Protein backbone atom coordinates (compact mmCIF):
# COMPACT_ATOMS: atom_id res chain seq x y z
CA MET A 1 2.51 122.73 149.71
CA VAL A 2 4.43 121.90 152.88
CA LYS A 3 8.08 121.27 152.24
CA LYS A 4 9.61 118.51 154.36
CA LYS A 5 12.57 119.69 156.44
CA LYS A 6 15.87 118.36 155.11
CA THR A 7 17.70 116.08 157.51
CA GLU A 8 21.24 117.27 158.11
CA VAL A 9 23.98 114.63 158.10
CA LYS A 10 26.34 115.94 160.77
CA GLU A 11 30.10 115.58 160.48
CA ILE A 12 31.50 114.23 163.76
CA SER A 13 34.97 113.80 165.28
CA ASP A 14 36.83 111.15 167.27
CA THR A 15 35.84 112.91 170.50
CA GLU A 16 32.09 112.79 169.74
CA PHE A 17 32.03 109.31 168.23
CA ASP A 18 31.34 107.12 171.28
CA SER A 19 28.64 109.38 172.74
CA ILE A 20 26.79 109.45 169.41
CA ILE A 21 27.04 105.67 168.90
CA LYS A 22 25.96 104.90 172.47
CA GLY A 23 23.42 107.74 172.65
CA ASN A 24 21.32 106.57 169.72
CA GLU A 25 19.60 103.26 169.05
CA LYS A 26 20.58 103.05 165.34
CA VAL A 27 23.46 104.92 163.71
CA VAL A 28 25.09 104.78 160.29
CA VAL A 29 28.59 106.30 160.11
CA ASP A 30 29.94 107.35 156.71
CA PHE A 31 33.75 107.16 156.83
CA PHE A 32 35.06 109.46 154.08
CA ALA A 33 37.83 111.80 152.94
CA GLU A 34 37.60 115.11 151.09
CA TRP A 35 39.90 113.87 148.28
CA CYS A 36 37.91 110.64 147.67
CA MET A 37 35.78 110.96 144.51
CA PRO A 38 33.53 107.94 145.30
CA CYS A 39 32.95 109.46 148.77
CA LEU A 40 31.85 112.72 147.20
CA MET A 41 29.66 110.86 144.69
CA ILE A 42 27.59 109.19 147.43
CA VAL A 43 27.01 112.34 149.51
CA PRO A 44 23.58 112.93 147.86
CA VAL A 45 22.70 109.24 148.34
CA ILE A 46 23.61 109.38 152.05
CA ASP A 47 21.60 112.60 152.40
CA GLU A 48 18.61 110.91 150.76
CA LEU A 49 18.94 107.86 153.02
CA ALA A 50 19.14 110.11 156.09
CA GLN A 51 15.92 111.78 154.93
CA SER A 52 14.11 108.48 154.37
CA TYR A 53 15.18 107.08 157.78
CA SER A 54 14.59 110.40 159.58
CA GLY A 55 13.54 109.84 163.19
CA ASP A 56 14.58 106.18 163.14
CA VAL A 57 18.27 106.05 162.14
CA VAL A 58 20.92 108.71 162.80
CA PHE A 59 23.39 109.31 159.94
CA VAL A 60 26.76 110.96 160.59
CA ARG A 61 30.00 111.47 158.64
CA LEU A 62 33.56 111.01 159.90
CA ASN A 63 36.53 112.40 157.97
CA ILE A 64 39.25 109.73 158.25
CA ASP A 65 42.06 112.21 157.59
CA GLU A 66 41.03 114.36 160.54
CA ASN A 67 39.89 111.47 162.78
CA GLN A 68 42.38 108.67 162.31
CA GLN A 69 41.85 107.18 165.77
CA THR A 70 38.28 106.05 165.05
CA ALA A 71 39.13 104.94 161.49
CA GLN A 72 41.96 102.76 162.83
CA ARG A 73 39.82 101.43 165.69
CA PHE A 74 37.27 100.11 163.18
CA LYS A 75 39.94 99.05 160.65
CA VAL A 76 38.60 101.25 157.86
CA MET A 77 40.97 100.48 154.98
CA SER A 78 38.82 101.58 152.01
CA ILE A 79 36.51 104.51 151.61
CA PRO A 80 33.72 105.19 151.40
CA THR A 81 32.82 102.76 154.18
CA LEU A 82 29.53 102.84 156.04
CA ILE A 83 29.41 101.10 159.42
CA VAL A 84 25.96 100.37 160.82
CA PHE A 85 25.58 100.44 164.61
CA LYS A 86 22.70 99.09 166.66
CA LYS A 87 22.58 99.70 170.41
CA GLY A 88 26.24 100.80 170.37
CA GLU A 89 27.53 97.70 168.54
CA ALA A 90 28.76 97.52 164.95
CA VAL A 91 26.37 95.16 163.15
CA GLY A 92 27.35 95.71 159.53
CA ARG A 93 29.80 97.28 157.10
CA ILE A 94 29.27 98.48 153.54
CA THR A 95 32.22 99.51 151.40
CA GLY A 96 32.06 101.39 148.11
CA ALA A 97 29.91 103.93 146.34
CA LEU A 98 26.73 101.94 145.90
CA PRO A 99 23.32 103.10 144.63
CA TYR A 100 20.51 104.11 146.98
CA ASP A 101 18.49 100.88 146.60
CA VAL A 102 21.49 98.65 147.39
CA LEU A 103 22.52 100.70 150.42
CA LYS A 104 18.96 100.83 151.75
CA GLU A 105 18.54 97.07 151.39
CA LYS A 106 21.82 96.40 153.24
CA ILE A 107 21.05 98.89 156.01
CA ASP A 108 17.57 97.39 156.43
CA SER A 109 19.04 93.89 156.71
CA TYR A 110 21.63 94.96 159.31
CA LEU A 111 19.01 96.76 161.40
CA ASN A 112 16.32 94.10 160.85
CA LEU A 113 13.90 96.68 159.45
């Protein structure tokens, strides 16, 4: 049995943010904090989504406590917040710890998949 390689959801910083958003066609950024229980609850869901979109959508995480500049720039007031980017532009926002099916449906609609 061939085991599929797990897709790693990379944690990024303010300094990397723009190059990642502009350097990839489709990106989902998970804005989180270490102390946020709902953020921690959706980590496995985000990992599963990253696996299912592997090769098509890049998933990254941004810690809002360590990267306040980007969080303020995108007016992230509640976490977890996912912002969906297409061709460098924010096309959608999802707030809250939602189940896999709901997140996938919203991401698909924002990216017209």
